[in-house]
Amino acid sequence: MSPLPQIGDPAPDFSLPRDGAGALGLKDFGGKKLVLYFYPKDDTTGCTAEAKDFNALLMEFAQANASVVGVSPDPVKAHDKFRDKYELSFPLLSDEAKSMLEAYGVWVEKSMYGRKYMGVERTTYLIDGQGKIVNIWRKVKTTGHAAAVLKAVQEM
């Protein structure tokens, strides 16, 4: 297993299918700040709240020359339904193979009611225009998170 990406490291490269159609990769954001947030599952309480919070602040992120992208292991069709249901205006990437989730260190063993399973640890990476990691939020609590990330973006 490779070491977890750290602040100052180059962001692991990726290219994944996205909601709607097509694919997005790290190279598509060259020169822009990128907020890459990893979430467990479309249309669940915490993930919906987090997505809606980021969506509500998209204009401010854009003014700070930053893009927001959500990533989960859900298939593209689930992302399409999630995007349409909540009128989300940012891309959602599908990593069913979990290669990107593993590269960013967010596919981890979790435990609920004593049962162990593999899942996504809610995590956000802030990547600068040169592709370097400048901030990482691990084990994210959704309340106030999008605003905290926006503040960090604006201070760059």
Protein backbone atom coordinates (compact mmCIF):
# COMPACT_ATOMS: atom_id res chain seq x y z
CA MET A 1 0.00 0.00 0.00
CA SER A 2 1.39 3.39 -0.97
CA PRO A 3 1.73 6.14 1.63
CA LEU A 4 -1.12 8.60 2.04
CA PRO A 5 -0.78 11.79 0.01
CA GLN A 6 0.43 14.65 2.20
CA ILE A 7 0.31 18.43 2.02
CA GLY A 8 3.00 19.54 -0.46
CA ASP A 9 2.81 16.32 -2.51
CA PRO A 10 1.69 16.30 -6.13
CA ALA A 11 -1.95 15.23 -6.24
CA PRO A 12 -2.39 11.69 -7.56
CA ASP A 13 -3.44 11.79 -11.22
CA PHE A 14 -6.88 10.52 -12.21
CA SER A 15 -9.34 10.28 -15.06
CA LEU A 16 -12.82 9.02 -14.22
CA PRO A 17 -16.28 8.90 -15.77
CA ARG A 18 -18.55 11.72 -14.63
CA ASP A 19 -22.23 12.46 -14.32
CA GLY A 20 -23.86 13.35 -17.61
CA ALA A 21 -21.25 11.83 -19.90
CA GLY A 22 -17.55 11.89 -20.57
CA ALA A 23 -14.69 11.89 -18.12
CA LEU A 24 -12.67 14.35 -16.07
CA GLY A 25 -9.06 14.18 -15.01
CA LEU A 26 -6.65 16.20 -12.93
CA LYS A 27 -5.20 17.77 -16.11
CA ASP A 28 -8.61 19.31 -16.87
CA PHE A 29 -8.14 21.71 -13.94
CA GLY A 30 -4.63 22.98 -14.74
CA GLY A 31 -4.16 26.51 -13.47
CA LYS A 32 -7.26 26.38 -11.25
CA LYS A 33 -7.61 25.46 -7.62
CA LEU A 34 -9.47 22.18 -7.17
CA VAL A 35 -11.63 21.15 -4.24
CA LEU A 36 -11.81 17.38 -4.48
CA TYR A 37 -14.23 15.96 -1.96
CA PHE A 38 -14.77 12.26 -1.39
CA TYR A 39 -18.08 11.05 -0.02
CA PRO A 40 -19.54 7.60 0.73
CA LYS A 41 -22.86 7.42 -1.13
CA ASP A 42 -25.27 9.45 -3.24
CA ASP A 43 -28.59 10.50 -1.70
CA THR A 44 -27.78 9.71 1.92
CA THR A 45 -28.33 12.28 4.67
CA GLY A 46 -24.73 13.44 5.27
CA CYS A 47 -23.68 13.22 1.63
CA THR A 48 -26.72 15.18 0.49
CA ALA A 49 -26.11 17.91 3.09
CA GLU A 50 -22.45 18.17 2.06
CA ALA A 51 -23.29 18.32 -1.67
CA LYS A 52 -25.96 20.97 -1.13
CA ASP A 53 -23.56 23.07 0.99
CA PHE A 54 -20.85 22.99 -1.70
CA ASN A 55 -23.46 23.72 -4.38
CA ALA A 56 -24.73 26.76 -2.47
CA LEU A 57 -21.19 28.23 -2.42
CA LEU A 58 -20.24 27.47 -6.04
CA MET A 59 -20.32 31.13 -7.09
CA GLU A 60 -17.86 32.06 -4.33
CA PHE A 61 -15.59 29.13 -5.25
CA ALA A 62 -15.66 30.26 -8.89
CA GLN A 63 -14.79 33.84 -7.87
CA ALA A 64 -11.74 32.40 -6.07
CA ASN A 65 -10.74 30.51 -9.28
CA ALA A 66 -11.63 27.12 -7.78
CA SER A 67 -13.60 24.16 -9.08
CA VAL A 68 -15.50 21.72 -6.85
CA VAL A 69 -15.68 18.02 -7.73
CA GLY A 70 -17.34 15.22 -5.76
CA VAL A 71 -16.11 11.61 -5.94
CA SER A 72 -17.74 8.40 -4.74
CA PRO A 73 -17.81 4.74 -5.76
CA ASP A 74 -21.42 5.08 -6.97
CA PRO A 75 -22.09 4.42 -10.68
CA VAL A 76 -22.65 7.29 -13.12
CA LYS A 77 -26.42 6.60 -13.29
CA ALA A 78 -26.71 7.10 -9.52
CA HIS A 79 -24.74 10.35 -9.84
CA ASP A 80 -27.11 11.54 -12.58
CA LYS A 81 -30.15 10.94 -10.36
CA PHE A 82 -28.45 12.57 -7.35
CA ARG A 83 -27.39 15.62 -9.42
CA ASP A 84 -30.87 16.06 -10.92
CA LYS A 85 -32.75 15.53 -7.63
CA TYR A 86 -30.75 18.24 -5.83
CA GLU A 87 -29.92 20.44 -8.85
CA LEU A 88 -26.18 20.10 -8.26
CA SER A 89 -24.05 22.21 -10.60
CA PHE A 90 -20.63 20.63 -10.13
CA PRO A 91 -19.23 17.35 -11.52
CA LEU A 92 -19.59 14.05 -9.71
CA LEU A 93 -17.00 11.41 -10.58
CA SER A 94 -17.63 7.68 -10.41
CA ASP A 95 -14.84 5.44 -9.10
CA GLU A 96 -16.44 2.01 -9.10
CA ALA A 97 -12.98 0.38 -9.42
CA LYS A 98 -11.86 2.40 -6.37
CA SER A 99 -8.45 3.17 -7.91
CA MET A 100 -8.68 6.91 -7.20
CA LEU A 101 -10.21 6.32 -3.76
CA GLU A 102 -7.21 4.12 -2.91
CA ALA A 103 -4.68 6.56 -4.43
CA TYR A 104 -6.04 9.35 -2.21
CA GLY A 105 -6.17 7.06 0.86
CA VAL A 106 -9.92 7.38 1.42
CA TRP A 107 -10.97 3.73 0.80
CA VAL A 108 -10.56 2.44 4.35
CA GLU A 109 -11.77 -0.17 6.77
CA LYS A 110 -14.69 1.16 8.75
CA SER A 111 -16.71 -0.26 11.60
CA MET A 112 -20.39 0.06 12.48
CA TYR A 113 -22.04 -1.83 15.33
CA GLY A 114 -18.96 -4.05 15.55
CA ARG A 115 -19.14 -5.03 11.87
CA LYS A 116 -16.06 -4.18 9.80
CA TYR A 117 -16.40 -3.21 6.15
CA MET A 118 -14.61 -1.19 3.47
CA GLY A 119 -15.93 2.27 2.65
CA VAL A 120 -15.12 5.87 1.86
CA GLU A 121 -13.79 8.04 4.65
CA ARG A 122 -15.29 11.48 4.05
CA THR A 123 -12.24 13.55 3.06
CA THR A 124 -11.55 16.76 1.13
CA TYR A 125 -8.36 17.70 -0.70
CA LEU A 126 -7.51 21.22 -1.79
CA ILE A 127 -5.17 21.22 -4.79
CA ASP A 128 -3.48 24.34 -6.18
CA GLY A 129 -3.22 25.34 -9.85
CA GLN A 130 0.10 23.49 -10.18
CA GLY A 131 -1.39 20.19 -8.99
CA LYS A 132 0.07 20.27 -5.46
CA ILE A 133 -1.94 19.36 -2.36
CA VAL A 134 -2.24 22.42 -0.13
CA ASN A 135 -4.78 21.21 2.45
CA ILE A 136 -6.46 17.99 3.55
CA TRP A 137 -9.52 17.55 5.72
CA ARG A 138 -9.96 13.95 6.96
CA LYS A 139 -12.94 12.39 8.75
CA VAL A 140 -15.04 15.39 7.76
CA LYS A 141 -18.16 16.41 9.66
CA THR A 142 -20.48 17.96 7.09
CA THR A 143 -21.83 20.89 9.11
CA GLY A 144 -19.88 24.01 8.16
CA HIS A 145 -17.33 22.05 6.11
CA ALA A 146 -17.98 23.68 2.71
CA ALA A 147 -17.66 27.15 4.27
CA ALA A 148 -14.36 26.17 5.96
CA VAL A 149 -13.00 24.89 2.63
CA LEU A 150 -14.13 28.09 0.88
CA LYS A 151 -12.29 30.17 3.51
CA ALA A 152 -9.09 28.16 2.89
CA VAL A 153 -9.49 28.63 -0.89
CA GLN A 154 -9.97 32.37 -0.51
CA GLU A 155 -6.86 32.65 1.69
CA MET A 156 -4.62 31.01 -0.93
